[in-house]
């Protein structure tokens, strides 16, 4: 409105780059992408991407995969569980994910 200060923002000026959800989704997607590359599955997840829903919550879209890819992913998860990655493993927060990822070379 004409009486509003020039720097005030309304819903139409909202940007996903202003959202913590976007950065959390992007960092989680990057971490998953790196793990999939290490497992040789980089071509099997063509729809992998970071998104925001209408409420600004970050989401990781895995997309559709072939039955063979799903079986390979299930086997990798079984191996992780067999080697001590417990179901009650505490999820890292976004800053931890960012710190881990930035530390890689």
C-alpha atoms as a PDB file:
ATOM      1  CA  UNK A   1       0.000   0.000   0.000  1.00  0.00           C
ATOM      2  CA  UNK A   2       1.189   3.560  -0.549  1.00  0.00           C
ATOM      3  CA  UNK A   3       1.429   4.198   3.204  1.00  0.00           C
ATOM      4  CA  UNK A   4       3.574   1.110   3.920  1.00  0.00           C
ATOM      5  CA  UNK A   5       7.304   1.578   4.357  1.00  0.00           C
ATOM      6  CA  UNK A   6       9.165   0.819   1.089  1.00  0.00           C
ATOM      7  CA  UNK A   7      11.024  -2.174   2.572  1.00  0.00           C
ATOM      8  CA  UNK A   8       7.988  -4.016   3.956  1.00  0.00           C
ATOM      9  CA  UNK A   9       7.342  -7.386   2.327  1.00  0.00           C
ATOM     10  CA  UNK A  10       4.068  -9.061   1.597  1.00  0.00           C
ATOM     11  CA  UNK A  11       3.239 -12.634   0.647  1.00  0.00           C
ATOM     12  CA  UNK A  12       3.777 -11.891  -3.042  1.00  0.00           C
ATOM     13  CA  UNK A  13       7.389 -10.949  -2.343  1.00  0.00           C
ATOM     14  CA  UNK A  14       8.162 -14.164  -0.434  1.00  0.00           C
ATOM     15  CA  UNK A  15      11.138 -16.141  -1.705  1.00  0.00           C
ATOM     16  CA  UNK A  16      12.118 -19.742  -0.959  1.00  0.00           C
ATOM     17  CA  UNK A  17      15.620 -18.458  -0.369  1.00  0.00           C
ATOM     18  CA  UNK A  18      14.277 -16.747   2.757  1.00  0.00           C
ATOM     19  CA  UNK A  19      13.169 -20.093   4.189  1.00  0.00           C
ATOM     20  CA  UNK A  20      15.117 -22.376   6.520  1.00  0.00           C
ATOM     21  CA  UNK A  21      13.036 -25.227   5.090  1.00  0.00           C
ATOM     22  CA  UNK A  22      14.518 -24.695   1.644  1.00  0.00           C
ATOM     23  CA  UNK A  23      18.096 -24.878   2.905  1.00  0.00           C
ATOM     24  CA  UNK A  24      17.354 -27.942   5.034  1.00  0.00           C
ATOM     25  CA  UNK A  25      15.794 -29.710   2.034  1.00  0.00           C
ATOM     26  CA  UNK A  26      18.639 -28.699  -0.258  1.00  0.00           C
ATOM     27  CA  UNK A  27      21.313 -29.876   2.183  1.00  0.00           C
ATOM     28  CA  UNK A  28      19.545 -33.181   2.817  1.00  0.00           C
ATOM     29  CA  UNK A  29      19.140 -33.704  -0.933  1.00  0.00           C
ATOM     30  CA  UNK A  30      22.837 -33.025  -1.457  1.00  0.00           C
ATOM     31  CA  UNK A  31      23.807 -35.477   1.285  1.00  0.00           C
ATOM     32  CA  UNK A  32      21.515 -38.132  -0.204  1.00  0.00           C
ATOM     33  CA  UNK A  33      22.847 -37.465  -3.690  1.00  0.00           C
ATOM     34  CA  UNK A  34      26.425 -37.956  -2.441  1.00  0.00           C
ATOM     35  CA  UNK A  35      25.489 -41.249  -0.765  1.00  0.00           C
ATOM     36  CA  UNK A  36      23.712 -42.449  -3.917  1.00  0.00           C
ATOM     37  CA  UNK A  37      26.772 -41.596  -6.006  1.00  0.00           C
ATOM     38  CA  UNK A  38      28.982 -43.562  -3.588  1.00  0.00           C
ATOM     39  CA  UNK A  39      26.593 -46.517  -3.896  1.00  0.00           C
ATOM     40  CA  UNK A  40      26.641 -46.335  -7.696  1.00  0.00           C
ATOM     41  CA  UNK A  41      22.966 -45.318  -7.848  1.00  0.00           C
ATOM     42  CA  UNK A  42      23.349 -41.793  -9.240  1.00  0.00           C
ATOM     43  CA  UNK A  43      21.449 -42.608 -12.454  1.00  0.00           C
ATOM     44  CA  UNK A  44      18.661 -44.480 -10.671  1.00  0.00           C
ATOM     45  CA  UNK A  45      17.049 -41.468  -8.965  1.00  0.00           C
ATOM     46  CA  UNK A  46      16.326 -39.061 -11.837  1.00  0.00           C
ATOM     47  CA  UNK A  47      13.612 -37.212  -9.893  1.00  0.00           C
ATOM     48  CA  UNK A  48      15.672 -36.484  -6.766  1.00  0.00           C
ATOM     49  CA  UNK A  49      15.241 -32.830  -5.822  1.00  0.00           C
ATOM     50  CA  UNK A  50      14.655 -30.382  -2.985  1.00  0.00           C
ATOM     51  CA  UNK A  51      11.254 -28.707  -2.737  1.00  0.00           C
ATOM     52  CA  UNK A  52       9.111 -26.543  -0.517  1.00  0.00           C
ATOM     53  CA  UNK A  53       5.430 -27.137   0.081  1.00  0.00           C
ATOM     54  CA  UNK A  54       2.853 -24.351   0.247  1.00  0.00           C
ATOM     55  CA  UNK A  55       3.597 -23.855   3.954  1.00  0.00           C
ATOM     56  CA  UNK A  56       7.324 -23.406   3.443  1.00  0.00           C
ATOM     57  CA  UNK A  57       8.270 -26.834   4.797  1.00  0.00           C
ATOM     58  CA  UNK A  58      11.278 -28.358   3.090  1.00  0.00           C
ATOM     59  CA  UNK A  59      10.803 -31.713   1.392  1.00  0.00           C
ATOM     60  CA  UNK A  60      13.083 -34.127  -0.424  1.00  0.00           C
ATOM     61  CA  UNK A  61      11.450 -35.612  -3.514  1.00  0.00           C
ATOM     62  CA  UNK A  62      12.845 -39.074  -4.228  1.00  0.00           C
ATOM     63  CA  UNK A  63      10.577 -39.763  -7.177  1.00  0.00           C
ATOM     64  CA  UNK A  64       9.836 -43.014  -8.950  1.00  0.00           C
ATOM     65  CA  UNK A  65      12.429 -45.760  -9.200  1.00  0.00           C
ATOM     66  CA  UNK A  66      12.574 -49.127 -10.905  1.00  0.00           C
ATOM     67  CA  UNK A  67      11.908 -52.315  -8.926  1.00  0.00           C
ATOM     68  CA  UNK A  68      15.599 -53.184  -9.199  1.00  0.00           C
ATOM     69  CA  UNK A  69      16.600 -49.838  -7.732  1.00  0.00           C
ATOM     70  CA  UNK A  70      14.127 -50.256  -4.871  1.00  0.00           C
ATOM     71  CA  UNK A  71      15.572 -53.702  -4.130  1.00  0.00           C
ATOM     72  CA  UNK A  72      19.126 -52.326  -4.161  1.00  0.00           C
ATOM     73  CA  UNK A  73      18.115 -49.488  -1.829  1.00  0.00           C
ATOM     74  CA  UNK A  74      16.393 -51.959   0.506  1.00  0.00           C
ATOM     75  CA  UNK A  75      19.570 -54.051   0.599  1.00  0.00           C
ATOM     76  CA  UNK A  76      21.697 -50.999   1.408  1.00  0.00           C
ATOM     77  CA  UNK A  77      19.332 -50.083   4.249  1.00  0.00           C
ATOM     78  CA  UNK A  78      19.465 -53.655   5.595  1.00  0.00           C
ATOM     79  CA  UNK A  79      23.270 -53.544   5.522  1.00  0.00           C
ATOM     80  CA  UNK A  80      23.278 -50.213   7.362  1.00  0.00           C
ATOM     81  CA  UNK A  81      20.987 -51.625  10.051  1.00  0.00           C
ATOM     82  CA  UNK A  82      23.136 -54.753  10.352  1.00  0.00           C
ATOM     83  CA  UNK A  83      26.217 -52.586  10.886  1.00  0.00           C
ATOM     84  CA  UNK A  84      24.852 -50.549  13.772  1.00  0.00           C
ATOM     85  CA  UNK A  85      22.776 -47.790  12.208  1.00  0.00           C
ATOM     86  CA  UNK A  86      19.800 -48.068  14.565  1.00  0.00           C
ATOM     87  CA  UNK A  87      16.242 -47.039  13.812  1.00  0.00           C
ATOM     88  CA  UNK A  88      16.291 -44.701  16.789  1.00  0.00           C
ATOM     89  CA  UNK A  89      19.378 -42.945  15.407  1.00  0.00           C
ATOM     90  CA  UNK A  90      18.993 -39.257  16.117  1.00  0.00           C
ATOM     91  CA  UNK A  91      18.397 -37.247  12.951  1.00  0.00           C
ATOM     92  CA  UNK A  92      20.978 -34.538  12.426  1.00  0.00           C
ATOM     93  CA  UNK A  93      19.692 -30.994  12.441  1.00  0.00           C
ATOM     94  CA  UNK A  94      20.181 -28.829   9.404  1.00  0.00           C
ATOM     95  CA  UNK A  95      23.258 -26.991  10.784  1.00  0.00           C
ATOM     96  CA  UNK A  96      24.996 -30.327  11.471  1.00  0.00           C
ATOM     97  CA  UNK A  97      24.270 -31.463   7.929  1.00  0.00           C
ATOM     98  CA  UNK A  98      25.635 -28.189   6.600  1.00  0.00           C
ATOM     99  CA  UNK A  99      28.762 -28.416   8.748  1.00  0.00           C
ATOM    100  CA  UNK A 100      29.433 -32.005   7.676  1.00  0.00           C
ATOM    101  CA  UNK A 101      28.923 -31.217   4.022  1.00  0.00           C
ATOM    102  CA  UNK A 102      31.091 -28.096   4.067  1.00  0.00           C
ATOM    103  CA  UNK A 103      33.918 -30.060   5.661  1.00  0.00           C
ATOM    104  CA  UNK A 104      34.205 -32.469   2.731  1.00  0.00           C
ATOM    105  CA  UNK A 105      36.757 -31.903   0.001  1.00  0.00           C
END
